[in-house]
Amino acid sequence: MKIERRNFLKTLVVGGVALAVAPVLRIRDAIADLVKSDDPLVVALGYVAVAKNSKDRKDKKALCKNCQFYSDTTGKEKQAKCQLIPSGEVAAEGWCRSYSKRKA
C-alpha cells in the first residue's frame, strides 16, 4: 500500500487540530455539568459552590472535597459527583448543610 504525501499531510493536520480542540471541548463539558443553583434539592441543602460564601458554615475546613458524599477521593478534581445531588457535579471548594467529614 502506497501512502500519498498529500493524504499523509491532510491526516497529520486534521489529527493535530483534533488534539488541540479536544481539551477545550472537555472544559466546556465539565463546566456544563455543575449543578444548577435553582435546583430545589440544591436550595434545600444550602449548597454553595464557594464554601467561604456560606453564612451557615461553621467549620472552616468543611469542603465538598473532604466530605464522605463527594465521589473524587483523590482530591485532585475541581468538581465531581455528590451522592446527595444526582442532577450534576459539585465544586470541590463547595459546601452544603449535609457535609459529613470523610473517614480516613
PDB file of N, CA and C in Angstrom:
ATOM      1  N   MET A   1       0.840  -1.182   0.000  1.00  0.00           N
ATOM      2  CA  MET A   1       0.000   0.000   0.000  1.00  0.00           C
ATOM      3  C   MET A   1       0.887   1.248   0.000  1.00  0.00           C
ATOM      4  N   LYS A   2       0.634   2.098  -0.932  1.00  0.00           N
ATOM      5  CA  LYS A   2       1.423   3.312  -1.068  1.00  0.00           C
ATOM      6  C   LYS A   2       0.632   4.502  -0.508  1.00  0.00           C
ATOM      7  N   ILE A   3       1.238   5.234   0.422  1.00  0.00           N
ATOM      8  CA  ILE A   3       0.591   6.396   1.019  1.00  0.00           C
ATOM      9  C   ILE A   3       1.078   7.638   0.291  1.00  0.00           C
ATOM     10  N   GLU A   4       0.123   8.395  -0.212  1.00  0.00           N
ATOM     11  CA  GLU A   4       0.482   9.612  -0.916  1.00  0.00           C
ATOM     12  C   GLU A   4       0.823  10.716   0.078  1.00  0.00           C
ATOM     13  N   ARG A   5       1.740  11.526  -0.305  1.00  0.00           N
ATOM     14  CA  ARG A   5       2.206  12.608   0.555  1.00  0.00           C
ATOM     15  C   ARG A   5       1.062  13.558   0.918  1.00  0.00           C
ATOM     16  N   ARG A   6       0.220  13.889  -0.027  1.00  0.00           N
ATOM     17  CA  ARG A   6      -0.898  14.814   0.192  1.00  0.00           C
ATOM     18  C   ARG A   6      -1.859  14.253   1.248  1.00  0.00           C
ATOM     19  N   ASN A   7      -2.219  12.978   1.140  1.00  0.00           N
ATOM     20  CA  ASN A   7      -3.124  12.359   2.124  1.00  0.00           C
ATOM     21  C   ASN A   7      -2.476  12.291   3.508  1.00  0.00           C
ATOM     22  N   PHE A   8      -1.194  12.020   3.541  1.00  0.00           N
ATOM     23  CA  PHE A   8      -0.469  11.974   4.810  1.00  0.00           C
ATOM     24  C   PHE A   8      -0.505  13.335   5.502  1.00  0.00           C
ATOM     25  N   LEU A   9      -0.247  14.404   4.741  1.00  0.00           N
ATOM     26  CA  LEU A   9      -0.247  15.747   5.318  1.00  0.00           C
ATOM     27  C   LEU A   9      -1.651  16.154   5.773  1.00  0.00           C
ATOM     28  N   LYS A  10      -2.692  15.796   5.020  1.00  0.00           N
ATOM     29  CA  LYS A  10      -4.068  16.087   5.439  1.00  0.00           C
ATOM     30  C   LYS A  10      -4.377  15.401   6.763  1.00  0.00           C
ATOM     31  N   THR A  11      -4.020  14.141   6.859  1.00  0.00           N
ATOM     32  CA  THR A  11      -4.261  13.379   8.083  1.00  0.00           C
ATOM     33  C   THR A  11      -3.502  13.974   9.256  1.00  0.00           C
ATOM     34  N   LEU A  12      -2.301  14.393   9.027  1.00  0.00           N
ATOM     35  CA  LEU A  12      -1.478  15.000  10.067  1.00  0.00           C
ATOM     36  C   LEU A  12      -2.102  16.307  10.572  1.00  0.00           C
ATOM     37  N   VAL A  13      -2.571  17.148   9.663  1.00  0.00           N
ATOM     38  CA  VAL A  13      -3.182  18.424  10.036  1.00  0.00           C
ATOM     39  C   VAL A  13      -4.500  18.193  10.778  1.00  0.00           C
ATOM     40  N   VAL A  14      -5.346  17.325  10.272  1.00  0.00           N
ATOM     41  CA  VAL A  14      -6.636  17.047  10.922  1.00  0.00           C
ATOM     42  C   VAL A  14      -6.413  16.457  12.323  1.00  0.00           C
ATOM     43  N   GLY A  15      -5.461  15.567  12.446  1.00  0.00           N
ATOM     44  CA  GLY A  15      -5.147  14.989  13.759  1.00  0.00           C
ATOM     45  C   GLY A  15      -4.635  16.030  14.737  1.00  0.00           C
ATOM     46  N   GLY A  16      -3.787  16.927  14.263  1.00  0.00           N
ATOM     47  CA  GLY A  16      -3.264  17.991  15.120  1.00  0.00           C
ATOM     48  C   GLY A  16      -4.353  18.933  15.600  1.00  0.00           C
ATOM     49  N   VAL A  17      -5.261  19.275  14.711  1.00  0.00           N
ATOM     50  CA  VAL A  17      -6.375  20.149  15.091  1.00  0.00           C
ATOM     51  C   VAL A  17      -7.269  19.441  16.107  1.00  0.00           C
ATOM     52  N   ALA A  18      -7.535  18.167  15.898  1.00  0.00           N
ATOM     53  CA  ALA A  18      -8.368  17.405  16.832  1.00  0.00           C
ATOM     54  C   ALA A  18      -7.732  17.356  18.225  1.00  0.00           C
ATOM     55  N   LEU A  19      -6.429  17.168  18.277  1.00  0.00           N
ATOM     56  CA  LEU A  19      -5.739  17.149  19.571  1.00  0.00           C
ATOM     57  C   LEU A  19      -5.770  18.507  20.255  1.00  0.00           C
ATOM     58  N   ALA A  20      -5.717  19.573  19.476  1.00  0.00           N
ATOM     59  CA  ALA A  20      -5.742  20.918  20.050  1.00  0.00           C
ATOM     60  C   ALA A  20      -7.131  21.298  20.561  1.00  0.00           C
ATOM     61  N   VAL A  21      -8.178  20.839  19.899  1.00  0.00           N
ATOM     62  CA  VAL A  21      -9.547  21.205  20.247  1.00  0.00           C
ATOM     63  C   VAL A  21     -10.121  20.330  21.363  1.00  0.00           C
ATOM     64  N   ALA A  22      -9.687  19.112  21.509  1.00  0.00           N
ATOM     65  CA  ALA A  22     -10.253  18.173  22.482  1.00  0.00           C
ATOM     66  C   ALA A  22     -10.256  18.706  23.918  1.00  0.00           C
ATOM     67  N   PRO A  23      -9.161  19.265  24.436  1.00  0.00           N
ATOM     68  CA  PRO A  23      -9.197  19.774  25.815  1.00  0.00           C
ATOM     69  C   PRO A  23     -10.187  20.924  26.003  1.00  0.00           C
ATOM     70  N   VAL A  24     -10.337  21.759  24.997  1.00  0.00           N
ATOM     71  CA  VAL A  24     -11.284  22.871  25.088  1.00  0.00           C
ATOM     72  C   VAL A  24     -12.702  22.338  25.205  1.00  0.00           C
ATOM     73  N   LEU A  25     -13.026  21.334  24.423  1.00  0.00           N
ATOM     74  CA  LEU A  25     -14.357  20.739  24.488  1.00  0.00           C
ATOM     75  C   LEU A  25     -14.595  20.077  25.844  1.00  0.00           C
ATOM     76  N   ARG A  26     -13.594  19.430  26.399  1.00  0.00           N
ATOM     77  CA  ARG A  26     -13.723  18.793  27.704  1.00  0.00           C
ATOM     78  C   ARG A  26     -13.969  19.826  28.797  1.00  0.00           C
ATOM     79  N   ILE A  27     -13.289  20.966  28.747  1.00  0.00           N
ATOM     80  CA  ILE A  27     -13.502  22.022  29.739  1.00  0.00           C
ATOM     81  C   ILE A  27     -14.933  22.553  29.639  1.00  0.00           C
ATOM     82  N   ARG A  28     -15.415  22.752  28.430  1.00  0.00           N
ATOM     83  CA  ARG A  28     -16.778  23.243  28.235  1.00  0.00           C
ATOM     84  C   ARG A  28     -17.782  22.254  28.804  1.00  0.00           C
ATOM     85  N   ASP A  29     -17.573  20.963  28.563  1.00  0.00           N
ATOM     86  CA  ASP A  29     -18.463  19.934  29.089  1.00  0.00           C
ATOM     87  C   ASP A  29     -18.410  19.885  30.607  1.00  0.00           C
ATOM     88  N   ALA A  30     -17.241  20.040  31.180  1.00  0.00           N
ATOM     89  CA  ALA A  30     -17.095  19.989  32.631  1.00  0.00           C
ATOM     90  C   ALA A  30     -17.851  21.124  33.288  1.00  0.00           C
ATOM     91  N   ILE A  31     -17.777  22.303  32.722  1.00  0.00           N
ATOM     92  CA  ILE A  31     -18.478  23.451  33.286  1.00  0.00           C
ATOM     93  C   ILE A  31     -19.980  23.247  33.178  1.00  0.00           C
ATOM     94  N   ALA A  32     -20.428  22.669  32.097  1.00  0.00           N
ATOM     95  CA  ALA A  32     -21.851  22.454  31.886  1.00  0.00           C
ATOM     96  C   ALA A  32     -22.430  21.441  32.867  1.00  0.00           C
ATOM     97  N   ASP A  33     -21.622  20.580  33.465  1.00  0.00           N
ATOM     98  CA  ASP A  33     -22.102  19.538  34.356  1.00  0.00           C
ATOM     99  C   ASP A  33     -22.371  20.013  35.778  1.00  0.00           C
ATOM    100  N   LEU A  34     -21.987  21.231  36.142  1.00  0.00           N
ATOM    101  CA  LEU A  34     -22.213  21.704  37.502  1.00  0.00           C
ATOM    102  C   LEU A  34     -23.702  21.794  37.806  1.00  0.00           C
ATOM    103  N   VAL A  35     -24.062  21.543  39.065  1.00  0.00           N
ATOM    104  CA  VAL A  35     -25.464  21.618  39.464  1.00  0.00           C
ATOM    105  C   VAL A  35     -25.975  23.049  39.293  1.00  0.00           C
ATOM    106  N   LYS A  36     -27.238  23.178  39.056  1.00  0.00           N
ATOM    107  CA  LYS A  36     -27.874  24.492  38.898  1.00  0.00           C
ATOM    108  C   LYS A  36     -28.237  25.033  40.279  1.00  0.00           C
ATOM    109  N   SER A  37     -27.973  26.292  40.515  1.00  0.00           N
ATOM    110  CA  SER A  37     -28.230  26.883  41.827  1.00  0.00           C
ATOM    111  C   SER A  37     -29.716  26.976  42.150  1.00  0.00           C
ATOM    112  N   ASP A  38     -30.588  26.885  41.133  1.00  0.00           N
ATOM    113  CA  ASP A  38     -32.023  26.953  41.392  1.00  0.00           C
ATOM    114  C   ASP A  38     -32.678  25.569  41.502  1.00  0.00           C
ATOM    115  N   ASP A  39     -31.888  24.508  41.441  1.00  0.00           N
ATOM    116  CA  ASP A  39     -32.401  23.144  41.632  1.00  0.00           C
ATOM    117  C   ASP A  39     -32.974  23.059  43.056  1.00  0.00           C
ATOM    118  N   PRO A  40     -34.219  22.571  43.217  1.00  0.00           N
ATOM    119  CA  PRO A  40     -34.844  22.526  44.542  1.00  0.00           C
ATOM    120  C   PRO A  40     -34.021  21.771  45.592  1.00  0.00           C
ATOM    121  N   LEU A  41     -33.385  20.685  45.206  1.00  0.00           N
ATOM    122  CA  LEU A  41     -32.568  19.919  46.148  1.00  0.00           C
ATOM    123  C   LEU A  41     -31.328  20.710  46.559  1.00  0.00           C
ATOM    124  N   VAL A  42     -30.728  21.380  45.611  1.00  0.00           N
ATOM    125  CA  VAL A  42     -29.550  22.211  45.878  1.00  0.00           C
ATOM    126  C   VAL A  42     -29.918  23.323  46.865  1.00  0.00           C
ATOM    127  N   VAL A  43     -31.061  23.937  46.648  1.00  0.00           N
ATOM    128  CA  VAL A  43     -31.531  25.001  47.536  1.00  0.00           C
ATOM    129  C   VAL A  43     -31.809  24.442  48.929  1.00  0.00           C
ATOM    130  N   ALA A  44     -32.475  23.284  48.998  1.00  0.00           N
ATOM    131  CA  ALA A  44     -32.810  22.680  50.289  1.00  0.00           C
ATOM    132  C   ALA A  44     -31.561  22.317  51.095  1.00  0.00           C
ATOM    133  N   LEU A  45     -30.509  21.883  50.414  1.00  0.00           N
ATOM    134  CA  LEU A  45     -29.267  21.518  51.102  1.00  0.00           C
ATOM    135  C   LEU A  45     -28.400  22.732  51.432  1.00  0.00           C
ATOM    136  N   GLY A  46     -28.754  23.878  50.881  1.00  0.00           N
ATOM    137  CA  GLY A  46     -27.966  25.090  51.122  1.00  0.00           C
ATOM    138  C   GLY A  46     -26.599  25.032  50.465  1.00  0.00           C
ATOM    139  N   TYR A  47     -26.507  24.319  49.344  1.00  0.00           N
ATOM    140  CA  TYR A  47     -25.227  24.163  48.639  1.00  0.00           C
ATOM    141  C   TYR A  47     -24.754  25.489  48.059  1.00  0.00           C
ATOM    142  N   VAL A  48     -23.468  25.757  48.232  1.00  0.00           N
ATOM    143  CA  VAL A  48     -22.805  26.892  47.591  1.00  0.00           C
ATOM    144  C   VAL A  48     -21.523  26.383  46.939  1.00  0.00           C
ATOM    145  N   ALA A  49     -21.216  26.898  45.767  1.00  0.00           N
ATOM    146  CA  ALA A  49     -20.034  26.442  45.031  1.00  0.00           C
ATOM    147  C   ALA A  49     -18.733  26.936  45.655  1.00  0.00           C
ATOM    148  N   VAL A  50     -18.801  28.027  46.408  1.00  0.00           N
ATOM    149  CA  VAL A  50     -17.633  28.568  47.107  1.00  0.00           C
ATOM    150  C   VAL A  50     -17.989  28.589  48.592  1.00  0.00           C
ATOM    151  N   ALA A  51     -17.396  27.677  49.342  1.00  0.00           N
ATOM    152  CA  ALA A  51     -17.763  27.476  50.743  1.00  0.00           C
ATOM    153  C   ALA A  51     -17.658  28.741  51.588  1.00  0.00           C
ATOM    154  N   LYS A  52     -16.673  29.557  51.337  1.00  0.00           N
ATOM    155  CA  LYS A  52     -16.497  30.758  52.155  1.00  0.00           C
ATOM    156  C   LYS A  52     -17.647  31.758  51.981  1.00  0.00           C
ATOM    157  N   ASN A  53     -18.477  31.574  50.960  1.00  0.00           N
ATOM    158  CA  ASN A  53     -19.635  32.439  50.742  1.00  0.00           C
ATOM    159  C   ASN A  53     -20.853  32.019  51.566  1.00  0.00           C
ATOM    160  N   SER A  54     -20.767  30.902  52.276  1.00  0.00           N
ATOM    161  CA  SER A  54     -21.885  30.421  53.079  1.00  0.00           C
ATOM    162  C   SER A  54     -21.861  31.042  54.470  1.00  0.00           C
ATOM    163  N   LYS A  55     -23.024  31.529  54.898  1.00  0.00           N
ATOM    164  CA  LYS A  55     -23.147  32.091  56.240  1.00  0.00           C
ATOM    165  C   LYS A  55     -23.393  30.989  57.268  1.00  0.00           C
ATOM    166  N   ASP A  56     -23.805  29.800  56.811  1.00  0.00           N
ATOM    167  CA  ASP A  56     -24.142  28.688  57.706  1.00  0.00           C
ATOM    168  C   ASP A  56     -22.940  27.823  58.089  1.00  0.00           C
ATOM    169  N   ARG A  57     -21.886  27.870  57.325  1.00  0.00           N
ATOM    170  CA  ARG A  57     -20.725  27.005  57.553  1.00  0.00           C
ATOM    171  C   ARG A  57     -19.934  27.489  58.768  1.00  0.00           C
ATOM    172  N   LYS A  58     -19.763  26.595  59.743  1.00  0.00           N
ATOM    173  CA  LYS A  58     -19.020  26.939  60.970  1.00  0.00           C
ATOM    174  C   LYS A  58     -17.577  26.448  60.917  1.00  0.00           C
ATOM    175  N   ASP A  59     -17.374  25.234  60.399  1.00  0.00           N
ATOM    176  CA  ASP A  59     -16.041  24.634  60.311  1.00  0.00           C
ATOM    177  C   ASP A  59     -15.363  25.126  59.033  1.00  0.00           C
ATOM    178  N   LYS A  60     -14.290  25.861  59.168  1.00  0.00           N
ATOM    179  CA  LYS A  60     -13.600  26.440  58.005  1.00  0.00           C
ATOM    180  C   LYS A  60     -12.914  25.384  57.140  1.00  0.00           C
ATOM    181  N   LYS A  61     -12.729  24.173  57.651  1.00  0.00           N
ATOM    182  CA  LYS A  61     -12.115  23.097  56.868  1.00  0.00           C
ATOM    183  C   LYS A  61     -13.157  22.255  56.132  1.00  0.00           C
ATOM    184  N   ALA A  62     -14.431  22.518  56.368  1.00  0.00           N
ATOM    185  CA  ALA A  62     -15.504  21.753  55.747  1.00  0.00           C
ATOM    186  C   ALA A  62     -15.667  22.162  54.284  1.00  0.00           C
ATOM    187  N   LEU A  63     -15.293  21.276  53.384  1.00  0.00           N
ATOM    188  CA  LEU A  63     -15.412  21.485  51.942  1.00  0.00           C
ATOM    189  C   LEU A  63     -15.942  20.212  51.303  1.00  0.00           C
ATOM    190  N   CYS A  64     -16.561  20.344  50.150  1.00  0.00           N
ATOM    191  CA  CYS A  64     -17.053  19.157  49.447  1.00  0.00           C
ATOM    192  C   CYS A  64     -15.943  18.130  49.217  1.00  0.00           C
ATOM    193  N   LYS A  65     -14.737  18.598  48.900  1.00  0.00           N
ATOM    194  CA  LYS A  65     -13.655  17.677  48.553  1.00  0.00           C
ATOM    195  C   LYS A  65     -13.236  16.774  49.714  1.00  0.00           C
ATOM    196  N   ASN A  66     -13.588  17.108  50.963  1.00  0.00           N
ATOM    197  CA  ASN A  66     -13.277  16.209  52.071  1.00  0.00           C
ATOM    198  C   ASN A  66     -14.541  15.698  52.768  1.00  0.00           C
ATOM    199  N   CYS A  67     -15.643  15.680  52.034  1.00  0.00           N
ATOM    200  CA  CYS A  67     -16.921  15.151  52.523  1.00  0.00           C
ATOM    201  C   CYS A  67     -17.069  13.698  52.080  1.00  0.00           C
ATOM    202  N   GLN A  68     -17.719  12.895  52.901  1.00  0.00           N
ATOM    203  CA  GLN A  68     -17.888  11.479  52.566  1.00  0.00           C
ATOM    204  C   GLN A  68     -18.798  11.255  51.354  1.00  0.00           C
ATOM    205  N   PHE A  69     -19.616  12.223  50.988  1.00  0.00           N
ATOM    206  CA  PHE A  69     -20.528  12.074  49.859  1.00  0.00           C
ATOM    207  C   PHE A  69     -19.913  12.496  48.521  1.00  0.00           C
ATOM    208  N   TYR A  70     -18.739  13.102  48.556  1.00  0.00           N
ATOM    209  CA  TYR A  70     -18.041  13.580  47.355  1.00  0.00           C
ATOM    210  C   TYR A  70     -17.314  12.399  46.721  1.00  0.00           C
ATOM    211  N   SER A  71     -17.506  12.174  45.435  1.00  0.00           N
ATOM    212  CA  SER A  71     -17.000  10.957  44.788  1.00  0.00           C
ATOM    213  C   SER A  71     -15.516  10.965  44.421  1.00  0.00           C
ATOM    214  N   ASP A  72     -14.886  12.125  44.334  1.00  0.00           N
ATOM    215  CA  ASP A  72     -13.458  12.169  43.994  1.00  0.00           C
ATOM    216  C   ASP A  72     -12.629  11.976  45.257  1.00  0.00           C
ATOM    217  N   THR A  73     -12.091  10.801  45.427  1.00  0.00           N
ATOM    218  CA  THR A  73     -11.300  10.510  46.626  1.00  0.00           C
ATOM    219  C   THR A  73      -9.837  10.925  46.470  1.00  0.00           C
ATOM    220  N   THR A  74      -9.422  11.301  45.256  1.00  0.00           N
ATOM    221  CA  THR A  74      -8.031  11.708  45.042  1.00  0.00           C
ATOM    222  C   THR A  74      -7.786  13.133  45.517  1.00  0.00           C
ATOM    223  N   GLY A  75      -8.835  13.948  45.531  1.00  0.00           N
ATOM    224  CA  GLY A  75      -8.693  15.342  45.917  1.00  0.00           C
ATOM    225  C   GLY A  75      -8.058  16.201  44.840  1.00  0.00           C
ATOM    226  N   LYS A  76      -7.954  15.688  43.635  1.00  0.00           N
ATOM    227  CA  LYS A  76      -7.288  16.408  42.545  1.00  0.00           C
ATOM    228  C   LYS A  76      -8.267  17.072  41.577  1.00  0.00           C
ATOM    229  N   GLU A  77      -9.518  16.656  41.599  1.00  0.00           N
ATOM    230  CA  GLU A  77     -10.511  17.202  40.674  1.00  0.00           C
ATOM    231  C   GLU A  77     -11.089  18.506  41.205  1.00  0.00           C
ATOM    232  N   LYS A  78     -11.462  19.404  40.301  1.00  0.00           N
ATOM    233  CA  LYS A  78     -12.064  20.679  40.705  1.00  0.00           C
ATOM    234  C   LYS A  78     -13.567  20.520  40.944  1.00  0.00           C
ATOM    235  N   GLN A  79     -14.138  19.432  40.442  1.00  0.00           N
ATOM    236  CA  GLN A  79     -15.548  19.125  40.652  1.00  0.00           C
ATOM    237  C   GLN A  79     -15.763  17.634  40.479  1.00  0.00           C
ATOM    238  N   ALA A  80     -16.810  17.125  41.102  1.00  0.00           N
ATOM    239  CA  ALA A  80     -17.122  15.698  40.996  1.00  0.00           C
ATOM    240  C   ALA A  80     -18.567  15.478  41.415  1.00  0.00           C
ATOM    241  N   LYS A  81     -19.031  14.251  41.268  1.00  0.00           N
ATOM    242  CA  LYS A  81     -20.394  13.893  41.644  1.00  0.00           C
ATOM    243  C   LYS A  81     -20.526  13.883  43.162  1.00  0.00           C
ATOM    244  N   CYS A  82     -21.713  14.239  43.617  1.00  0.00           N
ATOM    245  CA  CYS A  82     -22.082  14.144  45.029  1.00  0.00           C
ATOM    246  C   CYS A  82     -23.190  13.106  45.121  1.00  0.00           C
ATOM    247  N   GLN A  83     -23.115  12.231  46.092  1.00  0.00           N
ATOM    248  CA  GLN A  83     -24.122  11.187  46.242  1.00  0.00           C
ATOM    249  C   GLN A  83     -25.498  11.765  46.590  1.00  0.00           C
ATOM    250  N   LEU A  84     -25.532  12.941  47.150  1.00  0.00           N
ATOM    251  CA  LEU A  84     -26.796  13.552  47.565  1.00  0.00           C
ATOM    252  C   LEU A  84     -27.470  14.378  46.482  1.00  0.00           C
ATOM    253  N   ILE A  85     -26.687  14.835  45.512  1.00  0.00           N
ATOM    254  CA  ILE A  85     -27.221  15.695  44.444  1.00  0.00           C
ATOM    255  C   ILE A  85     -26.982  15.021  43.095  1.00  0.00           C
ATOM    256  N   PRO A  86     -27.948  14.255  42.598  1.00  0.00           N
ATOM    257  CA  PRO A  86     -27.740  13.497  41.355  1.00  0.00           C
ATOM    258  C   PRO A  86     -27.838  14.321  40.072  1.00  0.00           C
ATOM    259  N   SER A  87     -28.264  15.586  40.158  1.00  0.00           N
ATOM    260  CA  SER A  87     -28.509  16.372  38.946  1.00  0.00           C
ATOM    261  C   SER A  87     -27.254  16.922  38.275  1.00  0.00           C
ATOM    262  N   GLY A  88     -26.083  16.761  38.873  1.00  0.00           N
ATOM    263  CA  GLY A  88     -24.853  17.264  38.273  1.00  0.00           C
ATOM    264  C   GLY A  88     -23.690  17.108  39.224  1.00  0.00           C
ATOM    265  N   GLU A  89     -22.624  17.823  38.941  1.00  0.00           N
ATOM    266  CA  GLU A  89     -21.431  17.759  39.787  1.00  0.00           C
ATOM    267  C   GLU A  89     -21.361  18.990  40.687  1.00  0.00           C
ATOM    268  N   VAL A  90     -20.660  18.839  41.798  1.00  0.00           N
ATOM    269  CA  VAL A  90     -20.475  19.948  42.729  1.00  0.00           C
ATOM    270  C   VAL A  90     -19.002  20.353  42.730  1.00  0.00           C
ATOM    271  N   ALA A  91     -18.741  21.579  43.110  1.00  0.00           N
ATOM    272  CA  ALA A  91     -17.372  22.093  43.154  1.00  0.00           C
ATOM    273  C   ALA A  91     -16.632  21.530  44.360  1.00  0.00           C
ATOM    274  N   ALA A  92     -15.363  21.221  44.184  1.00  0.00           N
ATOM    275  CA  ALA A  92     -14.535  20.701  45.280  1.00  0.00           C
ATOM    276  C   ALA A  92     -14.455  21.692  46.433  1.00  0.00           C
ATOM    277  N   GLU A  93     -14.483  22.977  46.120  1.00  0.00           N
ATOM    278  CA  GLU A  93     -14.399  24.032  47.137  1.00  0.00           C
ATOM    279  C   GLU A  93     -15.777  24.458  47.630  1.00  0.00           C
ATOM    280  N   GLY A  94     -16.805  23.671  47.314  1.00  0.00           N
ATOM    281  CA  GLY A  94     -18.166  23.982  47.733  1.00  0.00           C
ATOM    282  C   GLY A  94     -18.484  23.440  49.118  1.00  0.00           C
ATOM    283  N   TRP A  95     -19.746  23.622  49.541  1.00  0.00           N
ATOM    284  CA  TRP A  95     -20.198  23.160  50.853  1.00  0.00           C
ATOM    285  C   TRP A  95     -21.717  23.108  50.858  1.00  0.00           C
ATOM    286  N   CYS A  96     -22.287  22.205  51.674  1.00  0.00           N
ATOM    287  CA  CYS A  96     -23.729  22.191  51.914  1.00  0.00           C
ATOM    288  C   CYS A  96     -23.991  21.770  53.358  1.00  0.00           C
ATOM    289  N   ARG A  97     -25.249  21.899  53.794  1.00  0.00           N
ATOM    290  CA  ARG A  97     -25.620  21.579  55.180  1.00  0.00           C
ATOM    291  C   ARG A  97     -25.450  20.103  55.521  1.00  0.00           C
ATOM    292  N   SER A  98     -25.404  19.250  54.524  1.00  0.00           N
ATOM    293  CA  SER A  98     -25.265  17.813  54.767  1.00  0.00           C
ATOM    294  C   SER A  98     -23.814  17.351  54.799  1.00  0.00           C
ATOM    295  N   TYR A  99     -22.898  18.295  54.894  1.00  0.00           N
ATOM    296  CA  TYR A  99     -21.468  17.958  54.950  1.00  0.00           C
ATOM    297  C   TYR A  99     -21.206  16.959  56.079  1.00  0.00           C
ATOM    298  N   SER A 100     -20.460  15.935  55.750  1.00  0.00           N
ATOM    299  CA  SER A 100     -20.050  14.930  56.739  1.00  0.00           C
ATOM    300  C   SER A 100     -18.597  14.558  56.441  1.00  0.00           C
ATOM    301  N   LYS A 101     -17.742  14.818  57.404  1.00  0.00           N
ATOM    302  CA  LYS A 101     -16.313  14.608  57.185  1.00  0.00           C
ATOM    303  C   LYS A 101     -16.016  13.167  56.762  1.00  0.00           C
ATOM    304  N   ARG A 102     -15.188  13.040  55.746  1.00  0.00           N
ATOM    305  CA  ARG A 102     -14.782  11.728  55.237  1.00  0.00           C
ATOM    306  C   ARG A 102     -13.910  11.031  56.262  1.00  0.00           C
ATOM    307  N   LYS A 103     -14.197   9.752  56.472  1.00  0.00           N
ATOM    308  CA  LYS A 103     -13.380   8.945  57.400  1.00  0.00           C
ATOM    309  C   LYS A 103     -12.060   8.608  56.739  1.00  0.00           C
ATOM    310  N   ALA A 104     -11.025   8.619  57.508  1.00  0.00           N
ATOM    311  CA  ALA A 104      -9.676   8.345  56.984  1.00  0.00           C
ATOM    312  C   ALA A 104      -9.486   6.909  56.564  1.00  0.00           C
TER     313      ALA A 104
END
